[in-house]
Amino acid sequence: MKTRPIRLQLTAWYTAILGVGLILFSCIIWFALRHFLYADLESALVDQARGLNKYLEIEDHDAGVSLPAEIDEYSQSMQQNHLLAVFDGNGQPIYQTPGGLDHNPRAPGAPYKLRWKNHAYLAVVETVALKEGQVRTLLAVSSEPVEKAVYLLGVLLIAAIPLFVACAAMGGFWLSRRAL
């Protein structure tokens, strides 16, 4: 039985170990970046929802204020692509994002993913006590920038790994020719 030259064996082992290491490293980077970007988006969303609730409480104390008009003004001041809806205690809309948000909100709790008109959002529902009773606020921000960044990183990592492994294998084979 003919054995392969030692330089081919060393190159194959080096390439295999490098490939596995790069795949593990890439997976860790991809999952970590995805987690941190979504956590940052979720934190910003919860802060915006708290700001909205404080705004509603302040405006509720002002007599003669049209709550839907004030909510619309608040909505227009928000920078990024968002959805905003406020529902009364019976689930009837007080205000909805222009274009309609035909989505009855979940019970208040942790942020969740929402699809609306083929766009991805991260949404949160909270309850606010006003003079007329409790209302539910639904605030959602677009998660598409995060999804695009994570997708692009995945594509780059998938394209880069074979390229780096091939270059390393050729370099390892060349070096083994010189050393052995």
N, C-alpha and C. Protein backbone atom coordinates (compact mmCIF):
# COMPACT_ATOMS: atom_id res chain seq x y z
N MET A 1 0.85 -1.17 0.00
CA MET A 1 0.00 0.00 0.00
C MET A 1 0.90 1.24 0.00
N LYS A 2 0.59 2.15 -0.90
CA LYS A 2 1.40 3.35 -1.05
C LYS A 2 0.87 4.44 -0.14
N THR A 3 1.76 5.04 0.66
CA THR A 3 1.36 6.14 1.53
C THR A 3 1.63 7.46 0.83
N ARG A 4 0.85 8.42 1.21
CA ARG A 4 1.02 9.76 0.63
C ARG A 4 2.24 10.42 1.23
N PRO A 5 2.86 11.31 0.49
CA PRO A 5 4.02 12.03 1.03
C PRO A 5 3.63 12.81 2.28
N ILE A 6 4.58 12.98 3.17
CA ILE A 6 4.33 13.68 4.44
C ILE A 6 3.88 15.11 4.21
N ARG A 7 4.39 15.76 3.18
CA ARG A 7 3.98 17.16 2.94
C ARG A 7 2.50 17.24 2.58
N LEU A 8 1.97 16.26 1.86
CA LEU A 8 0.53 16.26 1.55
C LEU A 8 -0.29 15.98 2.81
N GLN A 9 0.19 15.06 3.63
CA GLN A 9 -0.52 14.76 4.87
C GLN A 9 -0.54 15.98 5.80
N LEU A 10 0.61 16.63 5.94
CA LEU A 10 0.67 17.83 6.80
C LEU A 10 -0.22 18.94 6.25
N THR A 11 -0.18 19.13 4.93
CA THR A 11 -1.01 20.17 4.31
C THR A 11 -2.49 19.86 4.51
N ALA A 12 -2.87 18.59 4.36
CA ALA A 12 -4.28 18.22 4.54
C ALA A 12 -4.72 18.45 5.98
N TRP A 13 -3.90 18.04 6.95
CA TRP A 13 -4.25 18.26 8.35
C TRP A 13 -4.32 19.76 8.67
N TYR A 14 -3.37 20.51 8.22
CA TYR A 14 -3.35 21.95 8.46
C TYR A 14 -4.59 22.61 7.86
N THR A 15 -4.91 22.22 6.64
CA THR A 15 -6.08 22.79 5.96
C THR A 15 -7.37 22.42 6.68
N ALA A 16 -7.49 21.17 7.09
CA ALA A 16 -8.70 20.74 7.79
C ALA A 16 -8.86 21.47 9.13
N ILE A 17 -7.79 21.56 9.89
CA ILE A 17 -7.86 22.25 11.18
C ILE A 17 -8.16 23.73 10.99
N LEU A 18 -7.51 24.34 10.01
CA LEU A 18 -7.78 25.76 9.73
C LEU A 18 -9.22 25.96 9.29
N GLY A 19 -9.72 25.09 8.43
CA GLY A 19 -11.10 25.21 7.95
C GLY A 19 -12.11 25.08 9.08
N VAL A 20 -11.93 24.08 9.93
CA VAL A 20 -12.84 23.91 11.06
C VAL A 20 -12.76 25.11 12.00
N GLY A 21 -11.54 25.57 12.26
CA GLY A 21 -11.37 26.75 13.13
C GLY A 21 -12.04 27.99 12.56
N LEU A 22 -11.88 28.21 11.27
CA LEU A 22 -12.52 29.37 10.64
C LEU A 22 -14.04 29.26 10.64
N ILE A 23 -14.55 28.07 10.43
CA ILE A 23 -16.01 27.88 10.46
C ILE A 23 -16.55 28.16 11.86
N LEU A 24 -15.89 27.60 12.89
CA LEU A 24 -16.32 27.87 14.27
C LEU A 24 -16.23 29.35 14.61
N PHE A 25 -15.12 29.97 14.25
CA PHE A 25 -14.95 31.40 14.51
C PHE A 25 -16.03 32.22 13.81
N SER A 26 -16.31 31.89 12.55
CA SER A 26 -17.32 32.63 11.79
C SER A 26 -18.71 32.47 12.39
N CYS A 27 -19.03 31.24 12.83
CA CYS A 27 -20.34 31.02 13.46
C CYS A 27 -20.47 31.82 14.75
N ILE A 28 -19.42 31.82 15.55
CA ILE A 28 -19.45 32.58 16.80
C ILE A 28 -19.62 34.07 16.52
N ILE A 29 -18.88 34.59 15.57
CA ILE A 29 -18.99 36.01 15.21
C ILE A 29 -20.38 36.32 14.69
N TRP A 30 -20.93 35.48 13.83
CA TRP A 30 -22.24 35.73 13.24
C TRP A 30 -23.33 35.75 14.33
N PHE A 31 -23.33 34.71 15.19
CA PHE A 31 -24.35 34.65 16.23
C PHE A 31 -24.19 35.78 17.25
N ALA A 32 -22.95 36.12 17.61
CA ALA A 32 -22.72 37.20 18.56
C ALA A 32 -23.17 38.54 17.99
N LEU A 33 -22.82 38.82 16.74
CA LEU A 33 -23.24 40.09 16.13
C LEU A 33 -24.75 40.15 16.03
N ARG A 34 -25.37 39.07 15.62
CA ARG A 34 -26.83 39.04 15.51
C ARG A 34 -27.47 39.31 16.87
N HIS A 35 -26.96 38.64 17.90
CA HIS A 35 -27.50 38.83 19.24
C HIS A 35 -27.33 40.28 19.71
N PHE A 36 -26.15 40.85 19.55
CA PHE A 36 -25.90 42.19 20.05
C PHE A 36 -26.67 43.25 19.26
N LEU A 37 -26.81 43.08 17.96
CA LEU A 37 -27.59 44.05 17.18
C LEU A 37 -29.07 44.01 17.55
N TYR A 38 -29.62 42.80 17.70
CA TYR A 38 -31.03 42.70 18.12
C TYR A 38 -31.23 43.19 19.55
N ALA A 39 -30.29 42.92 20.44
CA ALA A 39 -30.39 43.41 21.82
C ALA A 39 -30.36 44.93 21.85
N ASP A 40 -29.51 45.53 21.03
CA ASP A 40 -29.44 46.99 20.96
C ASP A 40 -30.73 47.57 20.40
N LEU A 41 -31.27 46.96 19.35
CA LEU A 41 -32.53 47.41 18.77
C LEU A 41 -33.67 47.27 19.78
N GLU A 42 -33.69 46.15 20.49
CA GLU A 42 -34.72 45.91 21.50
C GLU A 42 -34.64 46.94 22.63
N SER A 43 -33.45 47.24 23.07
CA SER A 43 -33.26 48.23 24.14
C SER A 43 -33.73 49.61 23.69
N ALA A 44 -33.36 50.00 22.48
CA ALA A 44 -33.80 51.29 21.95
C ALA A 44 -35.32 51.34 21.81
N LEU A 45 -35.92 50.23 21.37
CA LEU A 45 -37.37 50.16 21.23
C LEU A 45 -38.07 50.31 22.57
N VAL A 46 -37.60 49.62 23.59
CA VAL A 46 -38.21 49.70 24.92
C VAL A 46 -38.08 51.12 25.46
N ASP A 47 -36.93 51.77 25.24
CA ASP A 47 -36.76 53.16 25.67
C ASP A 47 -37.73 54.09 24.95
N GLN A 48 -37.90 53.89 23.64
CA GLN A 48 -38.85 54.71 22.88
C GLN A 48 -40.27 54.49 23.38
N ALA A 49 -40.62 53.26 23.69
CA ALA A 49 -41.97 52.96 24.18
C ALA A 49 -42.21 53.63 25.54
N ARG A 50 -41.20 53.62 26.40
CA ARG A 50 -41.34 54.31 27.68
C ARG A 50 -41.50 55.81 27.48
N GLY A 51 -40.75 56.36 26.53
CA GLY A 51 -40.89 57.79 26.20
C GLY A 51 -42.28 58.11 25.70
N LEU A 52 -42.82 57.25 24.85
CA LEU A 52 -44.18 57.43 24.35
C LEU A 52 -45.18 57.40 25.50
N ASN A 53 -45.02 56.46 26.41
CA ASN A 53 -45.95 56.35 27.53
C ASN A 53 -45.88 57.56 28.45
N LYS A 54 -44.69 58.07 28.71
CA LYS A 54 -44.53 59.29 29.51
C LYS A 54 -45.19 60.47 28.80
N TYR A 55 -44.99 60.54 27.49
CA TYR A 55 -45.60 61.61 26.70
C TYR A 55 -47.12 61.56 26.80
N LEU A 56 -47.68 60.37 26.68
CA LEU A 56 -49.14 60.22 26.78
C LEU A 56 -49.64 60.62 28.16
N GLU A 57 -48.92 60.25 29.21
CA GLU A 57 -49.32 60.62 30.57
C GLU A 57 -49.28 62.13 30.75
N ILE A 58 -48.26 62.79 30.21
CA ILE A 58 -48.16 64.25 30.32
C ILE A 58 -49.28 64.92 29.54
N GLU A 59 -49.51 64.47 28.31
CA GLU A 59 -50.56 65.08 27.47
C GLU A 59 -51.95 64.80 28.02
N ASP A 60 -52.12 63.70 28.72
CA ASP A 60 -53.42 63.35 29.28
C ASP A 60 -53.84 64.33 30.38
N HIS A 61 -52.88 64.91 31.07
CA HIS A 61 -53.19 65.87 32.13
C HIS A 61 -53.57 67.24 31.58
N ASP A 62 -53.26 67.51 30.34
CA ASP A 62 -53.57 68.80 29.72
C ASP A 62 -55.00 68.77 29.19
N ALA A 63 -55.85 69.64 29.72
CA ALA A 63 -57.26 69.68 29.31
C ALA A 63 -57.38 70.21 27.88
N GLY A 64 -58.33 69.69 27.15
CA GLY A 64 -58.61 70.18 25.80
C GLY A 64 -57.63 69.69 24.75
N VAL A 65 -56.87 68.69 25.05
CA VAL A 65 -55.90 68.16 24.09
C VAL A 65 -56.52 66.98 23.35
N SER A 66 -56.34 66.97 22.04
CA SER A 66 -56.80 65.85 21.23
C SER A 66 -55.71 64.79 21.25
N LEU A 67 -55.98 63.70 21.94
CA LEU A 67 -54.98 62.64 22.09
C LEU A 67 -54.52 62.08 20.75
N PRO A 68 -55.42 61.78 19.80
CA PRO A 68 -54.94 61.28 18.50
C PRO A 68 -54.02 62.28 17.78
N ALA A 69 -54.32 63.56 17.87
CA ALA A 69 -53.47 64.57 17.22
C ALA A 69 -52.10 64.62 17.89
N GLU A 70 -52.05 64.52 19.20
CA GLU A 70 -50.77 64.53 19.91
C GLU A 70 -49.95 63.28 19.62
N ILE A 71 -50.63 62.15 19.52
CA ILE A 71 -49.92 60.91 19.18
C ILE A 71 -49.35 61.00 17.77
N ASP A 72 -50.13 61.56 16.84
CA ASP A 72 -49.65 61.73 15.47
C ASP A 72 -48.43 62.65 15.44
N GLU A 73 -48.46 63.71 16.23
CA GLU A 73 -47.32 64.62 16.30
C GLU A 73 -46.09 63.88 16.84
N TYR A 74 -46.30 63.07 17.87
CA TYR A 74 -45.20 62.29 18.43
C TYR A 74 -44.66 61.31 17.39
N SER A 75 -45.57 60.67 16.66
CA SER A 75 -45.17 59.70 15.65
C SER A 75 -44.33 60.34 14.56
N GLN A 76 -44.70 61.55 14.16
CA GLN A 76 -43.96 62.24 13.10
C GLN A 76 -42.58 62.68 13.56
N SER A 77 -42.38 62.81 14.87
CA SER A 77 -41.08 63.22 15.37
C SER A 77 -40.09 62.06 15.45
N MET A 78 -40.58 60.84 15.31
CA MET A 78 -39.68 59.68 15.38
C MET A 78 -38.88 59.58 14.09
N GLN A 79 -37.60 59.20 14.24
CA GLN A 79 -36.69 59.23 13.09
C GLN A 79 -36.80 58.02 12.18
N GLN A 80 -36.67 56.85 12.73
CA GLN A 80 -36.58 55.67 11.86
C GLN A 80 -37.95 55.12 11.50
N ASN A 81 -37.94 54.24 10.52
CA ASN A 81 -39.17 53.60 10.05
C ASN A 81 -39.84 52.88 11.23
N HIS A 82 -41.08 53.23 11.50
CA HIS A 82 -41.75 52.70 12.68
C HIS A 82 -43.25 52.53 12.44
N LEU A 83 -43.87 51.80 13.34
CA LEU A 83 -45.32 51.66 13.40
C LEU A 83 -45.75 52.05 14.79
N LEU A 84 -46.88 52.73 14.88
CA LEU A 84 -47.37 53.17 16.18
C LEU A 84 -48.89 53.03 16.19
N ALA A 85 -49.40 52.42 17.25
CA ALA A 85 -50.84 52.29 17.42
C ALA A 85 -51.16 52.38 18.90
N VAL A 86 -52.30 53.01 19.20
CA VAL A 86 -52.78 53.10 20.58
C VAL A 86 -54.21 52.61 20.57
N PHE A 87 -54.50 51.67 21.50
CA PHE A 87 -55.82 51.05 21.57
C PHE A 87 -56.43 51.33 22.94
N ASP A 88 -57.75 51.53 22.96
CA ASP A 88 -58.42 51.74 24.25
C ASP A 88 -58.59 50.39 24.96
N GLY A 89 -59.23 50.43 26.11
CA GLY A 89 -59.40 49.22 26.91
C GLY A 89 -60.19 48.13 26.23
N ASN A 90 -61.04 48.49 25.24
CA ASN A 90 -61.84 47.51 24.51
C ASN A 90 -61.13 47.00 23.25
N GLY A 91 -59.92 47.47 23.01
CA GLY A 91 -59.18 47.05 21.82
C GLY A 91 -59.48 47.86 20.59
N GLN A 92 -60.27 48.95 20.74
CA GLN A 92 -60.58 49.82 19.61
C GLN A 92 -59.44 50.81 19.41
N PRO A 93 -59.05 51.05 18.17
CA PRO A 93 -57.92 51.95 17.93
C PRO A 93 -58.26 53.41 18.24
N ILE A 94 -57.35 54.05 18.96
CA ILE A 94 -57.42 55.49 19.19
C ILE A 94 -56.57 56.17 18.12
N TYR A 95 -55.44 55.57 17.83
CA TYR A 95 -54.54 56.07 16.79
C TYR A 95 -53.85 54.88 16.15
N GLN A 96 -53.65 54.96 14.83
CA GLN A 96 -52.88 53.94 14.11
C GLN A 96 -51.98 54.63 13.11
N THR A 97 -50.86 54.01 12.84
CA THR A 97 -49.95 54.50 11.81
C THR A 97 -50.73 54.72 10.52
N PRO A 98 -50.48 55.83 9.82
CA PRO A 98 -51.16 56.03 8.54
C PRO A 98 -51.00 54.80 7.65
N GLY A 99 -52.08 54.39 7.02
CA GLY A 99 -52.08 53.18 6.21
C GLY A 99 -52.72 52.03 6.95
N GLY A 100 -53.00 52.24 8.24
CA GLY A 100 -53.68 51.23 9.04
C GLY A 100 -52.77 50.12 9.51
N LEU A 101 -52.94 49.79 10.72
CA LEU A 101 -52.19 48.69 11.32
C LEU A 101 -53.22 47.71 11.82
N ASP A 102 -53.65 46.82 10.93
CA ASP A 102 -54.71 45.88 11.31
C ASP A 102 -54.12 44.74 12.14
N HIS A 103 -53.68 45.11 13.30
CA HIS A 103 -53.02 44.16 14.20
C HIS A 103 -53.50 44.45 15.61
N ASN A 104 -54.29 43.56 16.16
CA ASN A 104 -54.71 43.73 17.55
C ASN A 104 -53.53 43.36 18.43
N PRO A 105 -53.13 44.24 19.31
CA PRO A 105 -51.89 44.00 20.04
C PRO A 105 -51.98 42.83 21.00
N ARG A 106 -50.83 42.22 21.21
CA ARG A 106 -50.71 41.16 22.20
C ARG A 106 -50.82 41.77 23.58
N ALA A 107 -50.80 40.90 24.55
CA ALA A 107 -50.73 41.38 25.93
C ALA A 107 -49.36 42.03 26.14
N PRO A 108 -49.29 43.02 27.01
CA PRO A 108 -48.00 43.66 27.26
C PRO A 108 -46.95 42.64 27.68
N GLY A 109 -45.74 42.85 27.24
CA GLY A 109 -44.67 41.91 27.58
C GLY A 109 -43.42 42.21 26.79
N ALA A 110 -42.65 41.19 26.58
CA ALA A 110 -41.36 41.31 25.90
C ALA A 110 -41.55 41.67 24.43
N PRO A 111 -40.59 42.35 23.84
CA PRO A 111 -40.65 42.64 22.41
C PRO A 111 -40.77 41.36 21.58
N TYR A 112 -41.43 41.48 20.45
CA TYR A 112 -41.63 40.34 19.56
C TYR A 112 -41.51 40.79 18.12
N LYS A 113 -41.30 39.82 17.22
CA LYS A 113 -41.17 40.12 15.80
C LYS A 113 -42.55 40.24 15.18
N LEU A 114 -42.69 41.20 14.28
CA LEU A 114 -43.96 41.49 13.62
C LEU A 114 -43.69 41.72 12.15
N ARG A 115 -44.51 41.13 11.28
CA ARG A 115 -44.42 41.41 9.84
C ARG A 115 -45.63 42.24 9.45
N TRP A 116 -45.37 43.32 8.74
CA TRP A 116 -46.45 44.20 8.29
C TRP A 116 -46.10 44.69 6.90
N LYS A 117 -46.97 44.40 5.95
CA LYS A 117 -46.77 44.78 4.55
C LYS A 117 -45.40 44.31 4.04
N ASN A 118 -45.10 43.07 4.30
CA ASN A 118 -43.85 42.43 3.87
C ASN A 118 -42.58 43.10 4.40
N HIS A 119 -42.68 43.73 5.54
CA HIS A 119 -41.52 44.33 6.20
C HIS A 119 -41.43 43.77 7.61
N ALA A 120 -40.20 43.61 8.06
CA ALA A 120 -39.96 43.04 9.39
C ALA A 120 -39.81 44.16 10.42
N TYR A 121 -40.47 43.98 11.56
CA TYR A 121 -40.41 44.94 12.65
C TYR A 121 -40.18 44.20 13.96
N LEU A 122 -39.65 44.92 14.91
CA LEU A 122 -39.59 44.45 16.29
C LEU A 122 -40.58 45.32 17.04
N ALA A 123 -41.54 44.70 17.73
CA ALA A 123 -42.64 45.44 18.35
C ALA A 123 -42.69 45.19 19.85
N VAL A 124 -43.24 46.17 20.56
CA VAL A 124 -43.47 46.02 21.99
C VAL A 124 -44.83 46.63 22.32
N VAL A 125 -45.53 45.99 23.22
CA VAL A 125 -46.84 46.47 23.67
C VAL A 125 -46.73 46.78 25.14
N GLU A 126 -47.23 47.95 25.53
CA GLU A 126 -47.24 48.36 26.93
C GLU A 126 -48.60 48.94 27.27
N THR A 127 -48.90 48.99 28.55
CA THR A 127 -50.15 49.55 29.04
C THR A 127 -49.86 50.84 29.77
N VAL A 128 -50.74 51.85 29.52
CA VAL A 128 -50.61 53.15 30.18
C VAL A 128 -51.96 53.51 30.79
N ALA A 129 -51.93 54.01 32.01
CA ALA A 129 -53.15 54.44 32.68
C ALA A 129 -53.39 55.92 32.39
N LEU A 130 -54.51 56.21 31.72
CA LEU A 130 -54.90 57.60 31.42
C LEU A 130 -56.20 57.91 32.14
N LYS A 131 -56.68 59.15 32.01
CA LYS A 131 -57.93 59.54 32.67
C LYS A 131 -59.11 58.69 32.22
N GLU A 132 -59.17 58.38 30.92
CA GLU A 132 -60.29 57.61 30.38
C GLU A 132 -60.16 56.12 30.67
N GLY A 133 -59.05 55.71 31.23
CA GLY A 133 -58.82 54.29 31.51
C GLY A 133 -57.50 53.84 30.93
N GLN A 134 -57.30 52.54 30.98
CA GLN A 134 -56.04 51.99 30.48
C GLN A 134 -56.06 51.91 28.96
N VAL A 135 -54.94 52.24 28.36
CA VAL A 135 -54.77 52.08 26.92
C VAL A 135 -53.53 51.23 26.68
N ARG A 136 -53.52 50.57 25.54
CA ARG A 136 -52.34 49.80 25.13
C ARG A 136 -51.65 50.52 24.00
N THR A 137 -50.34 50.61 24.12
CA THR A 137 -49.55 51.21 23.05
C THR A 137 -48.76 50.10 22.37
N LEU A 138 -48.75 50.14 21.06
CA LEU A 138 -47.93 49.23 20.26
C LEU A 138 -46.95 50.09 19.50
N LEU A 139 -45.69 49.88 19.74
CA LEU A 139 -44.64 50.60 19.03
C LEU A 139 -43.73 49.57 18.39
N ALA A 140 -43.47 49.74 17.10
CA ALA A 140 -42.62 48.80 16.37
C ALA A 140 -41.62 49.59 15.54
N VAL A 141 -40.39 49.12 15.52
CA VAL A 141 -39.36 49.73 14.68
C VAL A 141 -38.87 48.68 13.68
N SER A 142 -38.44 49.16 12.53
CA SER A 142 -37.99 48.26 11.49
C SER A 142 -36.75 47.49 11.94
N SER A 143 -36.78 46.19 11.73
CA SER A 143 -35.60 45.37 12.03
C SER A 143 -34.84 45.02 10.76
N GLU A 144 -35.24 45.59 9.63
CA GLU A 144 -34.59 45.27 8.36
C GLU A 144 -33.12 45.68 8.30
N PRO A 145 -32.72 46.84 8.86
CA PRO A 145 -31.28 47.15 8.82
C PRO A 145 -30.44 46.10 9.56
N VAL A 146 -30.95 45.60 10.68
CA VAL A 146 -30.23 44.56 11.42
C VAL A 146 -30.19 43.28 10.60
N GLU A 147 -31.32 42.90 10.01
CA GLU A 147 -31.36 41.68 9.21
C GLU A 147 -30.43 41.77 8.01
N LYS A 148 -30.37 42.94 7.36
CA LYS A 148 -29.47 43.11 6.21
C LYS A 148 -28.01 43.02 6.63
N ALA A 149 -27.67 43.63 7.75
CA ALA A 149 -26.28 43.58 8.23
C ALA A 149 -25.87 42.15 8.57
N VAL A 150 -26.74 41.42 9.24
CA VAL A 150 -26.43 40.03 9.61
C VAL A 150 -26.34 39.16 8.36
N TYR A 151 -27.24 39.37 7.41
CA TYR A 151 -27.20 38.62 6.16
C TYR A 151 -25.91 38.89 5.40
N LEU A 152 -25.53 40.16 5.29
CA LEU A 152 -24.31 40.53 4.58
C LEU A 152 -23.09 39.92 5.24
N LEU A 153 -23.03 39.95 6.56
CA LEU A 153 -21.91 39.32 7.26
C LEU A 153 -21.87 37.83 6.96
N GLY A 154 -23.01 37.16 6.97
CA GLY A 154 -23.05 35.73 6.65
C GLY A 154 -22.53 35.44 5.26
N VAL A 155 -22.95 36.25 4.29
CA VAL A 155 -22.49 36.05 2.91
C VAL A 155 -20.98 36.26 2.82
N LEU A 156 -20.48 37.30 3.46
CA LEU A 156 -19.04 37.56 3.41
C LEU A 156 -18.24 36.45 4.08
N LEU A 157 -18.73 35.95 5.20
CA LEU A 157 -18.02 34.87 5.88
C LEU A 157 -18.04 33.59 5.05
N ILE A 158 -19.18 33.28 4.46
CA ILE A 158 -19.29 32.08 3.64
C ILE A 158 -18.38 32.18 2.40
N ALA A 159 -18.27 33.37 1.83
CA ALA A 159 -17.40 33.55 0.67
C ALA A 159 -15.92 33.57 1.07
N ALA A 160 -15.61 34.10 2.23
CA ALA A 160 -14.21 34.27 2.63
C ALA A 160 -13.57 32.98 3.11
N ILE A 161 -14.32 32.12 3.77
CA ILE A 161 -13.73 30.91 4.36
C ILE A 161 -13.07 30.03 3.29
N PRO A 162 -13.75 29.66 2.21
CA PRO A 162 -13.07 28.82 1.21
C PRO A 162 -11.85 29.51 0.59
N LEU A 163 -11.94 30.82 0.41
CA LEU A 163 -10.82 31.55 -0.16
C LEU A 163 -9.61 31.50 0.77
N PHE A 164 -9.81 31.75 2.06
CA PHE A 164 -8.71 31.71 3.02
C PHE A 164 -8.15 30.30 3.17
N VAL A 165 -9.01 29.31 3.19
CA VAL A 165 -8.55 27.93 3.33
C VAL A 165 -7.74 27.51 2.10
N ALA A 166 -8.21 27.88 0.91
CA ALA A 166 -7.48 27.54 -0.31
C ALA A 166 -6.12 28.22 -0.34
N CYS A 167 -6.07 29.50 0.00
CA CYS A 167 -4.78 30.21 0.03
C CYS A 167 -3.85 29.61 1.07
N ALA A 168 -4.39 29.28 2.24
CA ALA A 168 -3.56 28.68 3.29
C ALA A 168 -3.06 27.30 2.87
N ALA A 169 -3.89 26.53 2.19
CA ALA A 169 -3.47 25.20 1.74
C ALA A 169 -2.36 25.30 0.71
N MET A 170 -2.51 26.23 -0.22
CA MET A 170 -1.44 26.41 -1.22
C MET A 170 -0.16 26.90 -0.57
N GLY A 171 -0.29 27.83 0.36
CA GLY A 171 0.89 28.33 1.06
C GLY A 171 1.53 27.25 1.91
N GLY A 172 0.72 26.44 2.58
CA GLY A 172 1.24 25.34 3.40
C GLY A 172 1.94 24.30 2.54
N PHE A 173 1.38 23.99 1.38
CA PHE A 173 2.01 23.02 0.49
C PHE A 173 3.34 23.57 -0.02
N TRP A 174 3.35 24.84 -0.37
CA TRP A 174 4.59 25.47 -0.86
C TRP A 174 5.66 25.47 0.22
N LEU A 175 5.27 25.82 1.47
CA LEU A 175 6.24 25.81 2.56
C LEU A 175 6.72 24.41 2.88
N SER A 176 5.85 23.42 2.80
CA SER A 176 6.27 22.05 3.10
C SER A 176 7.24 21.53 2.06
N ARG A 177 7.15 22.00 0.82
CA ARG A 177 8.11 21.61 -0.20
C ARG A 177 9.50 22.10 0.15
N ARG A 178 9.54 23.31 0.72
CA ARG A 178 10.83 23.89 1.07
C ARG A 178 11.41 23.27 2.34
N ALA A 179 10.53 22.97 3.32
CA ALA A 179 11.01 22.50 4.62
C ALA A 179 11.30 21.01 4.64
N LEU A 180 10.59 20.24 3.84
CA LEU A 180 10.76 18.77 3.92
C LEU A 180 11.50 18.23 2.75
